[in-house]
Amino acid sequence: MALTITEECINCDVCEPQCPNEAISMGPEYYVIDPDRCTECVGHHDEPQCKVVCPVECIELHPQWHEGQEALMAKYRRLTGHS
C-alpha cells in the first residue's frame, strides 16, 4: 500500500527529505504523497521513514492503494532501476 498524509499535517517539513523515492511534496494546503512513487520505503529501509519522523502521526495507509510487499518491491525496482 502507498501512504497518505492526512489534513492533520502541520507542514513541519521533516518528512519530505526522509523519502528515498521523492514521493513527498508540498500540496495546496499540506504535504502530499504521490502513491505512484511511494513504496513505504520497501527496498530502502525496514519501515517508512516519513512515519518515523512525523511528530503528529498524520501519515497512514492510503485507502485506495492496496499493494503487497511484492508489488512495493517491484515499484522500488522500477523507480531505482534495480533488477
N, C-alpha and C. Protein backbone atom coordinates (compact mmCIF):
# COMPACT_ATOMS: atom_id res chain seq x y z
N MET A 1 0.84 -1.19 0.00
CA MET A 1 0.00 0.00 0.00
C MET A 1 0.87 1.23 0.00
N ALA A 2 0.39 2.25 -0.60
CA ALA A 2 1.06 3.54 -0.50
C ALA A 2 0.58 4.23 0.77
N LEU A 3 1.30 5.24 1.16
CA LEU A 3 0.92 6.02 2.33
C LEU A 3 0.26 7.33 1.89
N THR A 4 -0.43 7.95 2.81
CA THR A 4 -1.05 9.25 2.56
C THR A 4 -0.87 10.11 3.80
N ILE A 5 -0.90 11.42 3.59
CA ILE A 5 -0.78 12.36 4.69
C ILE A 5 -2.15 12.98 4.91
N THR A 6 -2.61 12.97 6.15
CA THR A 6 -3.94 13.49 6.46
C THR A 6 -3.91 15.00 6.68
N GLU A 7 -5.08 15.59 6.80
CA GLU A 7 -5.18 17.04 6.99
C GLU A 7 -4.66 17.51 8.34
N GLU A 8 -4.27 16.58 9.21
CA GLU A 8 -3.67 16.96 10.48
C GLU A 8 -2.22 17.43 10.31
N CYS A 9 -1.68 17.32 9.11
CA CYS A 9 -0.30 17.74 8.82
C CYS A 9 -0.09 19.19 9.24
N ILE A 10 1.03 19.44 9.91
CA ILE A 10 1.34 20.80 10.38
C ILE A 10 2.43 21.46 9.53
N ASN A 11 2.76 20.84 8.38
CA ASN A 11 3.76 21.40 7.46
C ASN A 11 5.10 21.66 8.14
N CYS A 12 5.55 20.72 8.91
CA CYS A 12 6.80 20.90 9.66
C CYS A 12 8.04 20.63 8.81
N ASP A 13 7.87 20.09 7.63
CA ASP A 13 8.96 19.87 6.67
C ASP A 13 9.92 18.72 7.01
N VAL A 14 9.61 17.88 7.98
CA VAL A 14 10.56 16.81 8.32
C VAL A 14 10.40 15.55 7.48
N CYS A 15 9.23 15.31 6.91
CA CYS A 15 9.01 14.08 6.16
C CYS A 15 9.61 14.11 4.76
N GLU A 16 9.51 15.24 4.08
CA GLU A 16 9.93 15.33 2.68
C GLU A 16 11.38 14.88 2.45
N PRO A 17 12.35 15.37 3.20
CA PRO A 17 13.73 14.94 2.93
C PRO A 17 14.01 13.49 3.32
N GLN A 18 13.14 12.86 4.09
CA GLN A 18 13.34 11.48 4.51
C GLN A 18 12.93 10.47 3.45
N CYS A 19 12.15 10.89 2.46
CA CYS A 19 11.61 9.97 1.46
C CYS A 19 12.67 9.62 0.41
N PRO A 20 13.10 8.36 0.34
CA PRO A 20 14.12 7.97 -0.63
C PRO A 20 13.61 7.97 -2.07
N ASN A 21 12.29 7.99 -2.26
CA ASN A 21 11.70 7.95 -3.60
C ASN A 21 11.22 9.31 -4.08
N GLU A 22 11.44 10.34 -3.28
CA GLU A 22 10.97 11.69 -3.61
C GLU A 22 9.46 11.69 -3.91
N ALA A 23 8.72 10.94 -3.10
CA ALA A 23 7.28 10.83 -3.27
C ALA A 23 6.51 11.92 -2.52
N ILE A 24 7.18 12.63 -1.62
CA ILE A 24 6.51 13.63 -0.79
C ILE A 24 6.80 15.03 -1.31
N SER A 25 5.74 15.82 -1.45
CA SER A 25 5.90 17.22 -1.89
C SER A 25 4.83 18.07 -1.23
N MET A 26 5.02 19.37 -1.30
CA MET A 26 4.05 20.29 -0.73
C MET A 26 2.83 20.35 -1.63
N GLY A 27 1.66 20.14 -1.07
CA GLY A 27 0.41 20.25 -1.80
C GLY A 27 -0.17 21.64 -1.61
N PRO A 28 -1.42 21.84 -2.01
CA PRO A 28 -2.04 23.16 -1.87
C PRO A 28 -2.13 23.65 -0.42
N GLU A 29 -2.35 22.73 0.52
CA GLU A 29 -2.50 23.12 1.92
C GLU A 29 -1.52 22.45 2.87
N TYR A 30 -1.12 21.23 2.53
CA TYR A 30 -0.19 20.48 3.36
C TYR A 30 0.53 19.46 2.48
N TYR A 31 1.51 18.78 3.04
CA TYR A 31 2.29 17.82 2.27
C TYR A 31 1.43 16.67 1.76
N VAL A 32 1.81 16.15 0.60
CA VAL A 32 1.10 15.03 -0.03
C VAL A 32 2.12 13.97 -0.45
N ILE A 33 1.64 12.75 -0.61
CA ILE A 33 2.48 11.64 -1.05
C ILE A 33 1.94 11.13 -2.38
N ASP A 34 2.82 11.04 -3.37
CA ASP A 34 2.46 10.50 -4.69
C ASP A 34 2.43 8.99 -4.57
N PRO A 35 1.25 8.36 -4.67
CA PRO A 35 1.17 6.91 -4.50
C PRO A 35 1.91 6.13 -5.58
N ASP A 36 2.15 6.74 -6.73
CA ASP A 36 2.92 6.06 -7.78
C ASP A 36 4.40 5.95 -7.43
N ARG A 37 4.86 6.77 -6.49
CA ARG A 37 6.27 6.76 -6.08
C ARG A 37 6.49 6.18 -4.68
N CYS A 38 5.42 6.04 -3.91
CA CYS A 38 5.56 5.57 -2.53
C CYS A 38 5.69 4.05 -2.48
N THR A 39 6.78 3.58 -1.88
CA THR A 39 6.98 2.14 -1.67
C THR A 39 6.98 1.79 -0.18
N GLU A 40 6.55 2.74 0.65
CA GLU A 40 6.62 2.55 2.10
C GLU A 40 8.05 2.25 2.53
N CYS A 41 9.01 2.74 1.78
CA CYS A 41 10.44 2.56 1.99
C CYS A 41 10.91 1.13 1.76
N VAL A 42 10.06 0.26 1.20
CA VAL A 42 10.48 -1.09 0.85
C VAL A 42 11.64 -0.99 -0.12
N GLY A 43 12.69 -1.76 0.14
CA GLY A 43 13.89 -1.72 -0.68
C GLY A 43 14.93 -0.75 -0.15
N HIS A 44 14.52 0.19 0.67
CA HIS A 44 15.43 1.18 1.24
C HIS A 44 15.61 0.99 2.74
N HIS A 45 14.51 0.86 3.47
CA HIS A 45 14.53 0.80 4.93
C HIS A 45 13.53 -0.26 5.43
N ASP A 46 13.63 -0.59 6.69
CA ASP A 46 12.73 -1.58 7.29
C ASP A 46 11.35 -1.03 7.60
N GLU A 47 11.23 0.30 7.70
CA GLU A 47 9.95 0.92 7.99
C GLU A 47 9.88 2.28 7.29
N PRO A 48 8.68 2.78 7.03
CA PRO A 48 8.53 4.07 6.36
C PRO A 48 9.16 5.20 7.18
N GLN A 49 10.16 5.83 6.60
CA GLN A 49 10.90 6.87 7.32
C GLN A 49 10.06 8.11 7.60
N CYS A 50 9.12 8.42 6.73
CA CYS A 50 8.26 9.58 6.96
C CYS A 50 7.43 9.39 8.23
N LYS A 51 6.95 8.17 8.44
CA LYS A 51 6.17 7.89 9.65
C LYS A 51 7.03 7.96 10.89
N VAL A 52 8.29 7.54 10.78
CA VAL A 52 9.21 7.56 11.91
C VAL A 52 9.43 8.99 12.42
N VAL A 53 9.58 9.94 11.49
CA VAL A 53 9.92 11.31 11.89
C VAL A 53 8.71 12.22 12.10
N CYS A 54 7.53 11.82 11.68
CA CYS A 54 6.34 12.68 11.78
C CYS A 54 5.96 12.93 13.24
N PRO A 55 5.98 14.19 13.67
CA PRO A 55 5.68 14.49 15.07
C PRO A 55 4.19 14.45 15.42
N VAL A 56 3.32 14.49 14.43
CA VAL A 56 1.88 14.48 14.73
C VAL A 56 1.18 13.21 14.26
N GLU A 57 1.95 12.26 13.75
CA GLU A 57 1.41 10.96 13.32
C GLU A 57 0.25 11.12 12.34
N CYS A 58 0.47 11.91 11.30
CA CYS A 58 -0.60 12.15 10.32
C CYS A 58 -0.40 11.36 9.03
N ILE A 59 0.49 10.38 9.04
CA ILE A 59 0.76 9.56 7.86
C ILE A 59 0.18 8.17 8.10
N GLU A 60 -0.68 7.77 7.17
CA GLU A 60 -1.35 6.48 7.31
C GLU A 60 -1.44 5.78 5.96
N LEU A 61 -1.94 4.55 5.97
CA LEU A 61 -2.10 3.81 4.72
C LEU A 61 -3.14 4.49 3.83
N HIS A 62 -2.83 4.55 2.56
CA HIS A 62 -3.75 5.16 1.59
C HIS A 62 -4.91 4.20 1.36
N PRO A 63 -6.15 4.64 1.53
CA PRO A 63 -7.29 3.72 1.44
C PRO A 63 -7.54 3.14 0.04
N GLN A 64 -7.09 3.80 -1.01
CA GLN A 64 -7.34 3.30 -2.37
C GLN A 64 -6.15 2.56 -2.99
N TRP A 65 -5.02 2.53 -2.33
CA TRP A 65 -3.83 1.90 -2.91
C TRP A 65 -3.45 0.67 -2.10
N HIS A 66 -3.94 -0.49 -2.51
CA HIS A 66 -3.67 -1.74 -1.81
C HIS A 66 -2.58 -2.50 -2.57
N GLU A 67 -1.37 -2.50 -2.02
CA GLU A 67 -0.24 -3.17 -2.64
C GLU A 67 0.45 -4.02 -1.59
N GLY A 68 0.78 -5.24 -1.96
CA GLY A 68 1.52 -6.11 -1.05
C GLY A 68 3.01 -5.85 -1.15
N GLN A 69 3.78 -6.59 -0.38
CA GLN A 69 5.23 -6.42 -0.36
C GLN A 69 5.86 -6.66 -1.74
N GLU A 70 5.34 -7.64 -2.49
CA GLU A 70 5.89 -7.92 -3.82
C GLU A 70 5.66 -6.75 -4.76
N ALA A 71 4.48 -6.17 -4.72
CA ALA A 71 4.17 -5.02 -5.58
C ALA A 71 5.01 -3.81 -5.19
N LEU A 72 5.20 -3.61 -3.89
CA LEU A 72 6.03 -2.50 -3.43
C LEU A 72 7.49 -2.69 -3.86
N MET A 73 7.98 -3.92 -3.79
CA MET A 73 9.35 -4.20 -4.22
C MET A 73 9.49 -4.01 -5.73
N ALA A 74 8.48 -4.40 -6.49
CA ALA A 74 8.50 -4.19 -7.94
C ALA A 74 8.52 -2.70 -8.26
N LYS A 75 7.76 -1.92 -7.51
CA LYS A 75 7.76 -0.47 -7.70
C LYS A 75 9.13 0.11 -7.36
N TYR A 76 9.73 -0.36 -6.26
CA TYR A 76 11.07 0.07 -5.88
C TYR A 76 12.05 -0.21 -7.02
N ARG A 77 12.00 -1.41 -7.58
CA ARG A 77 12.91 -1.77 -8.68
C ARG A 77 12.69 -0.90 -9.90
N ARG A 78 11.44 -0.62 -10.21
CA ARG A 78 11.12 0.24 -11.36
C ARG A 78 11.66 1.65 -11.14
N LEU A 79 11.47 2.19 -9.93
CA LEU A 79 11.90 3.55 -9.63
C LEU A 79 13.42 3.71 -9.56
N THR A 80 14.10 2.67 -9.11
CA THR A 80 15.55 2.77 -8.91
C THR A 80 16.36 2.13 -10.02
N GLY A 81 15.72 1.37 -10.88
CA GLY A 81 16.45 0.71 -11.95
C GLY A 81 17.15 -0.57 -11.51
N HIS A 82 16.84 -1.05 -10.30
CA HIS A 82 17.42 -2.31 -9.81
C HIS A 82 16.62 -3.48 -10.36
N SER A 83 17.31 -4.51 -10.77
CA SER A 83 16.62 -5.69 -11.33
C SER A 83 16.26 -6.68 -10.29
